[in-house]
């Protein structure tokens, strides 16, 4: 899995980088077909913005979350990513199951 972290309008410190890397790696247990995760961290005025772009088996999942703290925004985005990855994986399994049963 390829992980790319981008900080917009600020310098990313090492603590936040490690936090994002550790949490993003855990997404692999929800979907084994993740090829690339792009994390974009930024802020505008008093709002902290996190955008996740996940490429899983050719499907691009884009998630945006905002809050007053970067870690909070990132955790909210991760929660949504987990739900969407689980849903995507179950759809793939359903399609595979139907193909096998029809053969």
PDB file of N, CA and C in Angstrom:
ATOM      1  N   UNK A   1       0.832  -1.177   0.000  1.00  0.00           N
ATOM      2  CA  UNK A   1       0.000   0.000   0.000  1.00  0.00           C
ATOM      3  C   UNK A   1       0.879   1.243   0.000  1.00  0.00           C
ATOM      4  N   UNK A   2       0.500   2.195  -0.835  1.00  0.00           N
ATOM      5  CA  UNK A   2       1.240   3.439  -0.956  1.00  0.00           C
ATOM      6  C   UNK A   2       0.507   4.523  -0.156  1.00  0.00           C
ATOM      7  N   UNK A   3       1.204   5.191   0.753  1.00  0.00           N
ATOM      8  CA  UNK A   3       0.618   6.231   1.589  1.00  0.00           C
ATOM      9  C   UNK A   3       1.300   7.556   1.305  1.00  0.00           C
ATOM     10  N   UNK A   4       0.501   8.567   0.975  1.00  0.00           N
ATOM     11  CA  UNK A   4       1.027   9.893   0.684  1.00  0.00           C
ATOM     12  C   UNK A   4       0.336  10.898   1.597  1.00  0.00           C
ATOM     13  N   UNK A   5       1.121  11.675   2.351  1.00  0.00           N
ATOM     14  CA  UNK A   5       0.574  12.666   3.274  1.00  0.00           C
ATOM     15  C   UNK A   5       0.997  14.055   2.806  1.00  0.00           C
ATOM     16  N   UNK A   6       0.012  14.942   2.659  1.00  0.00           N
ATOM     17  CA  UNK A   6       0.269  16.304   2.221  1.00  0.00           C
ATOM     18  C   UNK A   6      -0.270  17.280   3.253  1.00  0.00           C
ATOM     19  N   UNK A   7       0.542  18.272   3.608  1.00  0.00           N
ATOM     20  CA  UNK A   7       0.112  19.321   4.536  1.00  0.00           C
ATOM     21  C   UNK A   7      -0.016  20.619   3.738  1.00  0.00           C
ATOM     22  N   UNK A   8      -1.184  21.235   3.815  1.00  0.00           N
ATOM     23  CA  UNK A   8      -1.414  22.495   3.112  1.00  0.00           C
ATOM     24  C   UNK A   8      -1.451  23.647   4.102  1.00  0.00           C
ATOM     25  N   UNK A   9      -0.676  24.672   3.821  1.00  0.00           N
ATOM     26  CA  UNK A   9      -0.635  25.905   4.604  1.00  0.00           C
ATOM     27  C   UNK A   9      -0.022  25.752   5.997  1.00  0.00           C
ATOM     28  N   UNK A  10       0.693  24.665   6.238  1.00  0.00           N
ATOM     29  CA  UNK A  10       1.426  24.521   7.501  1.00  0.00           C
ATOM     30  C   UNK A  10       2.494  23.450   7.338  1.00  0.00           C
ATOM     31  N   UNK A  11       3.427  23.434   8.274  1.00  0.00           N
ATOM     32  CA  UNK A  11       4.499  22.433   8.262  1.00  0.00           C
ATOM     33  C   UNK A  11       4.072  21.266   9.143  1.00  0.00           C
ATOM     34  N   UNK A  12       4.100  20.083   8.581  1.00  0.00           N
ATOM     35  CA  UNK A  12       3.659  18.875   9.284  1.00  0.00           C
ATOM     36  C   UNK A  12       4.738  18.433  10.269  1.00  0.00           C
ATOM     37  N   UNK A  13       4.373  18.351  11.555  1.00  0.00           N
ATOM     38  CA  UNK A  13       5.355  17.900  12.539  1.00  0.00           C
ATOM     39  C   UNK A  13       5.397  16.365  12.575  1.00  0.00           C
ATOM     40  N   UNK A  14       6.432  15.838  13.158  1.00  0.00           N
ATOM     41  CA  UNK A  14       6.671  14.388  13.143  1.00  0.00           C
ATOM     42  C   UNK A  14       5.613  13.613  13.939  1.00  0.00           C
ATOM     43  N   UNK A  15       5.128  14.191  15.043  1.00  0.00           N
ATOM     44  CA  UNK A  15       4.100  13.511  15.844  1.00  0.00           C
ATOM     45  C   UNK A  15       2.829  13.283  15.027  1.00  0.00           C
ATOM     46  N   UNK A  16       2.388  14.310  14.338  1.00  0.00           N
ATOM     47  CA  UNK A  16       1.174  14.196  13.529  1.00  0.00           C
ATOM     48  C   UNK A  16       1.385  13.242  12.364  1.00  0.00           C
ATOM     49  N   UNK A  17       2.569  13.280  11.756  1.00  0.00           N
ATOM     50  CA  UNK A  17       2.875  12.364  10.650  1.00  0.00           C
ATOM     51  C   UNK A  17       2.798  10.904  11.126  1.00  0.00           C
ATOM     52  N   UNK A  18       3.396  10.604  12.267  1.00  0.00           N
ATOM     53  CA  UNK A  18       3.362   9.232  12.796  1.00  0.00           C
ATOM     54  C   UNK A  18       1.934   8.810  13.135  1.00  0.00           C
ATOM     55  N   UNK A  19       1.171   9.728  13.722  1.00  0.00           N
ATOM     56  CA  UNK A  19      -0.224   9.446  14.073  1.00  0.00           C
ATOM     57  C   UNK A  19      -1.024   9.070  12.821  1.00  0.00           C
ATOM     58  N   UNK A  20      -0.880   9.862  11.768  1.00  0.00           N
ATOM     59  CA  UNK A  20      -1.604   9.608  10.519  1.00  0.00           C
ATOM     60  C   UNK A  20      -1.163   8.286   9.899  1.00  0.00           C
ATOM     61  N   UNK A  21       0.147   8.030   9.882  1.00  0.00           N
ATOM     62  CA  UNK A  21       0.650   6.784   9.293  1.00  0.00           C
ATOM     63  C   UNK A  21       0.124   5.561  10.035  1.00  0.00           C
ATOM     64  N   UNK A  22       0.180   5.582  11.366  1.00  0.00           N
ATOM     65  CA  UNK A  22      -0.280   4.436  12.161  1.00  0.00           C
ATOM     66  C   UNK A  22      -1.761   4.163  11.944  1.00  0.00           C
ATOM     67  N   UNK A  23      -2.571   5.216  11.979  1.00  0.00           N
ATOM     68  CA  UNK A  23      -4.014   5.049  11.820  1.00  0.00           C
ATOM     69  C   UNK A  23      -4.380   4.618  10.396  1.00  0.00           C
ATOM     70  N   UNK A  24      -3.706   5.182   9.403  1.00  0.00           N
ATOM     71  CA  UNK A  24      -4.011   4.844   8.004  1.00  0.00           C
ATOM     72  C   UNK A  24      -3.647   3.388   7.703  1.00  0.00           C
ATOM     73  N   UNK A  25      -2.581   2.889   8.305  1.00  0.00           N
ATOM     74  CA  UNK A  25      -2.182   1.496   8.094  1.00  0.00           C
ATOM     75  C   UNK A  25      -3.258   0.528   8.587  1.00  0.00           C
ATOM     76  N   UNK A  26      -4.023   0.930   9.586  1.00  0.00           N
ATOM     77  CA  UNK A  26      -5.055   0.051  10.147  1.00  0.00           C
ATOM     78  C   UNK A  26      -6.231  -0.145   9.192  1.00  0.00           C
ATOM     79  N   UNK A  27      -6.344   0.689   8.165  1.00  0.00           N
ATOM     80  CA  UNK A  27      -7.427   0.526   7.199  1.00  0.00           C
ATOM     81  C   UNK A  27      -7.284  -0.762   6.392  1.00  0.00           C
ATOM     82  N   UNK A  28      -6.078  -1.311   6.346  1.00  0.00           N
ATOM     83  CA  UNK A  28      -5.852  -2.556   5.604  1.00  0.00           C
ATOM     84  C   UNK A  28      -6.661  -3.722   6.148  1.00  0.00           C
ATOM     85  N   UNK A  29      -7.005  -3.699   7.427  1.00  0.00           N
ATOM     86  CA  UNK A  29      -7.754  -4.826   7.985  1.00  0.00           C
ATOM     87  C   UNK A  29      -9.234  -4.786   7.584  1.00  0.00           C
ATOM     88  N   UNK A  30      -9.701  -3.655   7.054  1.00  0.00           N
ATOM     89  CA  UNK A  30     -11.088  -3.562   6.616  1.00  0.00           C
ATOM     90  C   UNK A  30     -11.257  -3.889   5.137  1.00  0.00           C
ATOM     91  N   UNK A  31     -10.180  -3.750   4.369  1.00  0.00           N
ATOM     92  CA  UNK A  31     -10.227  -4.057   2.943  1.00  0.00           C
ATOM     93  C   UNK A  31      -8.811  -4.397   2.507  1.00  0.00           C
ATOM     94  N   UNK A  32      -8.634  -5.579   1.945  1.00  0.00           N
ATOM     95  CA  UNK A  32      -7.285  -6.021   1.585  1.00  0.00           C
ATOM     96  C   UNK A  32      -6.847  -5.555   0.200  1.00  0.00           C
ATOM     97  N   UNK A  33      -7.711  -4.863  -0.534  1.00  0.00           N
ATOM     98  CA  UNK A  33      -7.374  -4.421  -1.883  1.00  0.00           C
ATOM     99  C   UNK A  33      -6.958  -2.967  -1.968  1.00  0.00           C
ATOM    100  N   UNK A  34      -6.591  -2.357  -0.848  1.00  0.00           N
ATOM    101  CA  UNK A  34      -6.198  -0.941  -0.862  1.00  0.00           C
ATOM    102  C   UNK A  34      -4.827  -0.819  -1.515  1.00  0.00           C
ATOM    103  N   UNK A  35      -4.776  -0.019  -2.584  1.00  0.00           N
ATOM    104  CA  UNK A  35      -3.514   0.186  -3.286  1.00  0.00           C
ATOM    105  C   UNK A  35      -2.842   1.494  -2.893  1.00  0.00           C
ATOM    106  N   UNK A  36      -3.664   2.535  -2.669  1.00  0.00           N
ATOM    107  CA  UNK A  36      -3.084   3.846  -2.378  1.00  0.00           C
ATOM    108  C   UNK A  36      -4.014   4.628  -1.469  1.00  0.00           C
ATOM    109  N   UNK A  37      -3.412   5.329  -0.502  1.00  0.00           N
ATOM    110  CA  UNK A  37      -4.153   6.254   0.352  1.00  0.00           C
ATOM    111  C   UNK A  37      -3.441   7.597   0.293  1.00  0.00           C
ATOM    112  N   UNK A  38      -4.205   8.624  -0.016  1.00  0.00           N
ATOM    113  CA  UNK A  38      -3.665   9.976  -0.020  1.00  0.00           C
ATOM    114  C   UNK A  38      -4.382  10.760   1.078  1.00  0.00           C
ATOM    115  N   UNK A  39      -3.610  11.323   2.000  1.00  0.00           N
ATOM    116  CA  UNK A  39      -4.154  12.105   3.109  1.00  0.00           C
ATOM    117  C   UNK A  39      -3.733  13.555   2.902  1.00  0.00           C
ATOM    118  N   UNK A  40      -4.725  14.444   2.836  1.00  0.00           N
ATOM    119  CA  UNK A  40      -4.456  15.863   2.667  1.00  0.00           C
ATOM    120  C   UNK A  40      -4.956  16.579   3.918  1.00  0.00           C
ATOM    121  N   UNK A  41      -4.030  17.225   4.620  1.00  0.00           N
ATOM    122  CA  UNK A  41      -4.341  17.955   5.854  1.00  0.00           C
ATOM    123  C   UNK A  41      -4.221  19.441   5.566  1.00  0.00           C
ATOM    124  N   UNK A  42      -5.189  20.225   6.022  1.00  0.00           N
ATOM    125  CA  UNK A  42      -5.123  21.656   5.775  1.00  0.00           C
ATOM    126  C   UNK A  42      -6.005  22.419   6.730  1.00  0.00           C
ATOM    127  N   UNK A  43      -5.989  23.729   6.583  1.00  0.00           N
ATOM    128  CA  UNK A  43      -6.841  24.550   7.418  1.00  0.00           C
ATOM    129  C   UNK A  43      -7.160  25.858   6.717  1.00  0.00           C
ATOM    130  N   UNK A  44      -8.360  26.342   7.014  1.00  0.00           N
ATOM    131  CA  UNK A  44      -8.826  27.628   6.516  1.00  0.00           C
ATOM    132  C   UNK A  44      -9.475  28.344   7.687  1.00  0.00           C
ATOM    133  N   UNK A  45      -8.979  29.514   7.999  1.00  0.00           N
ATOM    134  CA  UNK A  45      -9.425  30.291   9.158  1.00  0.00           C
ATOM    135  C   UNK A  45      -9.356  29.420  10.409  1.00  0.00           C
ATOM    136  N   UNK A  46     -10.467  29.105  11.040  1.00  0.00           N
ATOM    137  CA  UNK A  46     -10.443  28.304  12.270  1.00  0.00           C
ATOM    138  C   UNK A  46     -10.860  26.843  12.030  1.00  0.00           C
ATOM    139  N   UNK A  47     -11.020  26.454  10.787  1.00  0.00           N
ATOM    140  CA  UNK A  47     -11.477  25.110  10.455  1.00  0.00           C
ATOM    141  C   UNK A  47     -10.313  24.249   9.989  1.00  0.00           C
ATOM    142  N   UNK A  48     -10.220  23.037  10.542  1.00  0.00           N
ATOM    143  CA  UNK A  48      -9.198  22.073  10.132  1.00  0.00           C
ATOM    144  C   UNK A  48      -9.849  21.071   9.196  1.00  0.00           C
ATOM    145  N   UNK A  49      -9.224  20.849   8.051  1.00  0.00           N
ATOM    146  CA  UNK A  49      -9.805  20.022   6.996  1.00  0.00           C
ATOM    147  C   UNK A  49      -8.921  18.813   6.742  1.00  0.00           C
ATOM    148  N   UNK A  50      -9.554  17.644   6.631  1.00  0.00           N
ATOM    149  CA  UNK A  50      -8.850  16.417   6.262  1.00  0.00           C
ATOM    150  C   UNK A  50      -9.579  15.805   5.082  1.00  0.00           C
ATOM    151  N   UNK A  51      -8.806  15.439   4.078  1.00  0.00           N
ATOM    152  CA  UNK A  51      -9.370  14.771   2.910  1.00  0.00           C
ATOM    153  C   UNK A  51      -8.624  13.458   2.705  1.00  0.00           C
ATOM    154  N   UNK A  52      -9.375  12.375   2.600  1.00  0.00           N
ATOM    155  CA  UNK A  52      -8.806  11.058   2.333  1.00  0.00           C
ATOM    156  C   UNK A  52      -9.214  10.621   0.945  1.00  0.00           C
ATOM    157  N   UNK A  53      -8.249  10.164   0.166  1.00  0.00           N
ATOM    158  CA  UNK A  53      -8.529   9.573  -1.137  1.00  0.00           C
ATOM    159  C   UNK A  53      -7.972   8.158  -1.095  1.00  0.00           C
ATOM    160  N   UNK A  54      -8.870   7.187  -1.182  1.00  0.00           N
ATOM    161  CA  UNK A  54      -8.482   5.790  -1.059  1.00  0.00           C
ATOM    162  C   UNK A  54      -8.780   5.074  -2.366  1.00  0.00           C
ATOM    163  N   UNK A  55      -7.764   4.431  -2.922  1.00  0.00           N
ATOM    164  CA  UNK A  55      -7.944   3.633  -4.130  1.00  0.00           C
ATOM    165  C   UNK A  55      -7.961   2.167  -3.716  1.00  0.00           C
ATOM    166  N   UNK A  56      -9.155   1.556  -3.795  1.00  0.00           N
ATOM    167  CA  UNK A  56      -9.321   0.160  -3.391  1.00  0.00           C
ATOM    168  C   UNK A  56      -9.894  -0.624  -4.564  1.00  0.00           C
ATOM    169  N   UNK A  57      -9.093  -1.506  -5.113  1.00  0.00           N
ATOM    170  CA  UNK A  57      -9.508  -2.335  -6.249  1.00  0.00           C
ATOM    171  C   UNK A  57     -10.069  -1.505  -7.395  1.00  0.00           C
ATOM    172  N   UNK A  58      -9.429  -0.370  -7.697  1.00  0.00           N
ATOM    173  CA  UNK A  58      -9.853   0.466  -8.803  1.00  0.00           C
ATOM    174  C   UNK A  58     -10.972   1.433  -8.469  1.00  0.00           C
ATOM    175  N   UNK A  59     -11.564   1.347  -7.302  1.00  0.00           N
ATOM    176  CA  UNK A  59     -12.620   2.280  -6.888  1.00  0.00           C
ATOM    177  C   UNK A  59     -11.981   3.383  -6.054  1.00  0.00           C
ATOM    178  N   UNK A  60     -12.295   4.619  -6.391  1.00  0.00           N
ATOM    179  CA  UNK A  60     -11.758   5.761  -5.664  1.00  0.00           C
ATOM    180  C   UNK A  60     -12.790   6.230  -4.650  1.00  0.00           C
ATOM    181  N   UNK A  61     -12.412   6.209  -3.375  1.00  0.00           N
ATOM    182  CA  UNK A  61     -13.274   6.667  -2.285  1.00  0.00           C
ATOM    183  C   UNK A  61     -12.681   7.974  -1.767  1.00  0.00           C
ATOM    184  N   UNK A  62     -13.493   9.041  -1.802  1.00  0.00           N
ATOM    185  CA  UNK A  62     -13.038  10.356  -1.354  1.00  0.00           C
ATOM    186  C   UNK A  62     -13.869  10.771  -0.149  1.00  0.00           C
ATOM    187  N   UNK A  63     -13.183  11.148   0.919  1.00  0.00           N
ATOM    188  CA  UNK A  63     -13.848  11.525   2.166  1.00  0.00           C
ATOM    189  C   UNK A  63     -13.270  12.856   2.635  1.00  0.00           C
ATOM    190  N   UNK A  64     -14.155  13.799   2.970  1.00  0.00           N
ATOM    191  CA  UNK A  64     -13.742  15.091   3.516  1.00  0.00           C
ATOM    192  C   UNK A  64     -14.404  15.285   4.867  1.00  0.00           C
ATOM    193  N   UNK A  65     -13.624  15.719   5.832  1.00  0.00           N
ATOM    194  CA  UNK A  65     -14.144  16.014   7.172  1.00  0.00           C
ATOM    195  C   UNK A  65     -13.540  17.322   7.668  1.00  0.00           C
ATOM    196  N   UNK A  66     -14.320  18.053   8.438  1.00  0.00           N
ATOM    197  CA  UNK A  66     -13.838  19.299   9.033  1.00  0.00           C
ATOM    198  C   UNK A  66     -14.193  19.332  10.516  1.00  0.00           C
ATOM    199  N   UNK A  67     -13.359  19.991  11.291  1.00  0.00           N
ATOM    200  CA  UNK A  67     -13.622  20.229  12.714  1.00  0.00           C
ATOM    201  C   UNK A  67     -12.659  21.317  13.192  1.00  0.00           C
ATOM    202  N   UNK A  68     -12.555  21.473  14.502  1.00  0.00           N
ATOM    203  CA  UNK A  68     -11.670  22.501  15.043  1.00  0.00           C
ATOM    204  C   UNK A  68     -10.252  21.996  15.323  1.00  0.00           C
ATOM    205  N   UNK A  69     -10.013  20.674  15.195  1.00  0.00           N
ATOM    206  CA  UNK A  69      -8.683  20.092  15.394  1.00  0.00           C
ATOM    207  C   UNK A  69      -8.375  19.105  14.272  1.00  0.00           C
ATOM    208  N   UNK A  70      -7.104  19.032  13.878  1.00  0.00           N
ATOM    209  CA  UNK A  70      -6.719  18.127  12.794  1.00  0.00           C
ATOM    210  C   UNK A  70      -6.905  16.656  13.164  1.00  0.00           C
ATOM    211  N   UNK A  71      -6.494  16.279  14.360  1.00  0.00           N
ATOM    212  CA  UNK A  71      -6.630  14.872  14.760  1.00  0.00           C
ATOM    213  C   UNK A  71      -8.096  14.451  14.819  1.00  0.00           C
ATOM    214  N   UNK A  72      -8.934  15.346  15.304  1.00  0.00           N
ATOM    215  CA  UNK A  72     -10.361  15.057  15.379  1.00  0.00           C
ATOM    216  C   UNK A  72     -10.936  14.881  13.967  1.00  0.00           C
ATOM    217  N   UNK A  73     -10.565  15.777  13.056  1.00  0.00           N
ATOM    218  CA  UNK A  73     -11.022  15.669  11.666  1.00  0.00           C
ATOM    219  C   UNK A  73     -10.534  14.373  11.038  1.00  0.00           C
ATOM    220  N   UNK A  74      -9.283  14.018  11.310  1.00  0.00           N
ATOM    221  CA  UNK A  74      -8.718  12.790  10.747  1.00  0.00           C
ATOM    222  C   UNK A  74      -9.444  11.563  11.293  1.00  0.00           C
ATOM    223  N   UNK A  75      -9.729  11.549  12.595  1.00  0.00           N
ATOM    224  CA  UNK A  75     -10.438  10.411  13.189  1.00  0.00           C
ATOM    225  C   UNK A  75     -11.852  10.283  12.620  1.00  0.00           C
ATOM    226  N   UNK A  76     -12.535  11.402  12.412  1.00  0.00           N
ATOM    227  CA  UNK A  76     -13.861  11.369  11.798  1.00  0.00           C
ATOM    228  C   UNK A  76     -13.786  10.805  10.376  1.00  0.00           C
ATOM    229  N   UNK A  77     -12.775  11.224   9.625  1.00  0.00           N
ATOM    230  CA  UNK A  77     -12.602  10.729   8.261  1.00  0.00           C
ATOM    231  C   UNK A  77     -12.292   9.226   8.270  1.00  0.00           C
ATOM    232  N   UNK A  78     -11.495   8.780   9.232  1.00  0.00           N
ATOM    233  CA  UNK A  78     -11.175   7.351   9.331  1.00  0.00           C
ATOM    234  C   UNK A  78     -12.409   6.520   9.635  1.00  0.00           C
ATOM    235  N   UNK A  79     -13.272   7.018  10.505  1.00  0.00           N
ATOM    236  CA  UNK A  79     -14.510   6.299  10.816  1.00  0.00           C
ATOM    237  C   UNK A  79     -15.364   6.126   9.564  1.00  0.00           C
ATOM    238  N   UNK A  80     -15.491   7.190   8.800  1.00  0.00           N
ATOM    239  CA  UNK A  80     -16.254   7.091   7.547  1.00  0.00           C
ATOM    240  C   UNK A  80     -15.574   6.154   6.564  1.00  0.00           C
ATOM    241  N   UNK A  81     -14.247   6.201   6.504  1.00  0.00           N
ATOM    242  CA  UNK A  81     -13.509   5.332   5.589  1.00  0.00           C
ATOM    243  C   UNK A  81     -13.716   3.860   5.943  1.00  0.00           C
ATOM    244  N   UNK A  82     -13.688   3.547   7.237  1.00  0.00           N
ATOM    245  CA  UNK A  82     -13.910   2.162   7.671  1.00  0.00           C
ATOM    246  C   UNK A  82     -15.272   1.666   7.204  1.00  0.00           C
ATOM    247  N   UNK A  83     -16.308   2.473   7.416  1.00  0.00           N
ATOM    248  CA  UNK A  83     -17.656   2.073   7.000  1.00  0.00           C
ATOM    249  C   UNK A  83     -17.743   1.874   5.487  1.00  0.00           C
ATOM    250  N   UNK A  84     -17.165   2.803   4.739  1.00  0.00           N
ATOM    251  CA  UNK A  84     -17.243   2.700   3.281  1.00  0.00           C
ATOM    252  C   UNK A  84     -16.430   1.528   2.753  1.00  0.00           C
ATOM    253  N   UNK A  85     -15.273   1.271   3.353  1.00  0.00           N
ATOM    254  CA  UNK A  85     -14.457   0.138   2.909  1.00  0.00           C
ATOM    255  C   UNK A  85     -15.149  -1.190   3.213  1.00  0.00           C
ATOM    256  N   UNK A  86     -15.776  -1.287   4.381  1.00  0.00           N
ATOM    257  CA  UNK A  86     -16.524  -2.508   4.716  1.00  0.00           C
ATOM    258  C   UNK A  86     -17.661  -2.724   3.722  1.00  0.00           C
ATOM    259  N   UNK A  87     -18.376  -1.652   3.409  1.00  0.00           N
ATOM    260  CA  UNK A  87     -19.493  -1.745   2.466  1.00  0.00           C
ATOM    261  C   UNK A  87     -18.992  -2.157   1.080  1.00  0.00           C
ATOM    262  N   UNK A  88     -17.893  -1.555   0.635  1.00  0.00           N
ATOM    263  CA  UNK A  88     -17.334  -1.886  -0.675  1.00  0.00           C
ATOM    264  C   UNK A  88     -16.884  -3.342  -0.727  1.00  0.00           C
ATOM    265  N   UNK A  89     -16.248  -3.807   0.341  1.00  0.00           N
ATOM    266  CA  UNK A  89     -15.769  -5.187   0.388  1.00  0.00           C
ATOM    267  C   UNK A  89     -16.944  -6.166   0.364  1.00  0.00           C
ATOM    268  N   UNK A  90     -18.020  -5.843   1.081  1.00  0.00           N
ATOM    269  CA  UNK A  90     -19.176  -6.745   1.082  1.00  0.00           C
ATOM    270  C   UNK A  90     -19.843  -6.779  -0.288  1.00  0.00           C
ATOM    271  N   UNK A  91     -19.865  -5.664  -1.006  1.00  0.00           N
ATOM    272  CA  UNK A  91     -20.416  -5.656  -2.362  1.00  0.00           C
ATOM    273  C   UNK A  91     -19.589  -6.531  -3.291  1.00  0.00           C
ATOM    274  N   UNK A  92     -18.271  -6.449  -3.153  1.00  0.00           N
ATOM    275  CA  UNK A  92     -17.387  -7.275  -3.992  1.00  0.00           C
ATOM    276  C   UNK A  92     -17.630  -8.750  -3.702  1.00  0.00           C
ATOM    277  N   UNK A  93     -17.741  -9.108  -2.423  1.00  0.00           N
ATOM    278  CA  UNK A  93     -17.977 -10.510  -2.057  1.00  0.00           C
ATOM    279  C   UNK A  93     -19.319 -10.993  -2.594  1.00  0.00           C
ATOM    280  N   UNK A  94     -20.340 -10.140  -2.552  1.00  0.00           N
ATOM    281  CA  UNK A  94     -21.661 -10.511  -3.057  1.00  0.00           C
ATOM    282  C   UNK A  94     -21.600 -10.768  -4.556  1.00  0.00           C
ATOM    283  N   UNK A  95     -20.917  -9.905  -5.280  1.00  0.00           N
ATOM    284  CA  UNK A  95     -20.788 -10.084  -6.731  1.00  0.00           C
ATOM    285  C   UNK A  95     -20.016 -11.357  -7.043  1.00  0.00           C
ATOM    286  N   UNK A  96     -18.916 -11.593  -6.336  1.00  0.00           N
ATOM    287  CA  UNK A  96     -18.132 -12.811  -6.557  1.00  0.00           C
ATOM    288  C   UNK A  96     -18.958 -14.057  -6.248  1.00  0.00           C
ATOM    289  N   UNK A  97     -19.724 -14.000  -5.184  1.00  0.00           N
ATOM    290  CA  UNK A  97     -20.556 -15.128  -4.802  1.00  0.00           C
ATOM    291  C   UNK A  97     -21.605 -15.425  -5.884  1.00  0.00           C
ATOM    292  N   UNK A  98     -22.223 -14.364  -6.429  1.00  0.00           N
ATOM    293  CA  UNK A  98     -23.211 -14.536  -7.489  1.00  0.00           C
ATOM    294  C   UNK A  98     -22.589 -15.084  -8.758  1.00  0.00           C
ATOM    295  N   UNK A  99     -21.382 -14.662  -9.086  1.00  0.00           N
ATOM    296  CA  UNK A  99     -20.696 -15.158 -10.274  1.00  0.00           C
ATOM    297  C   UNK A  99     -20.360 -16.630 -10.119  1.00  0.00           C
ATOM    298  N   UNK A 100     -19.895 -17.016  -8.939  1.00  0.00           N
ATOM    299  CA  UNK A 100     -19.550 -18.414  -8.692  1.00  0.00           C
ATOM    300  C   UNK A 100     -20.805 -19.293  -8.740  1.00  0.00           C
ATOM    301  N   UNK A 101     -21.893 -18.807  -8.147  1.00  0.00           N
ATOM    302  CA  UNK A 101     -23.142 -19.587  -8.124  1.00  0.00           C
ATOM    303  C   UNK A 101     -23.756 -19.713  -9.511  1.00  0.00           C
ATOM    304  N   UNK A 102     -23.573 -18.716 -10.370  1.00  0.00           N
ATOM    305  CA  UNK A 102     -24.169 -18.774 -11.700  1.00  0.00           C
ATOM    306  C   UNK A 102     -23.332 -19.591 -12.679  1.00  0.00           C
ATOM    307  N   UNK A 103     -22.091 -19.886 -12.323  1.00  0.00           N
ATOM    308  CA  UNK A 103     -21.203 -20.643 -13.229  1.00  0.00           C
ATOM    309  C   UNK A 103     -21.453 -22.127 -13.179  1.00  0.00           C
TER     310      UNK A 103
END
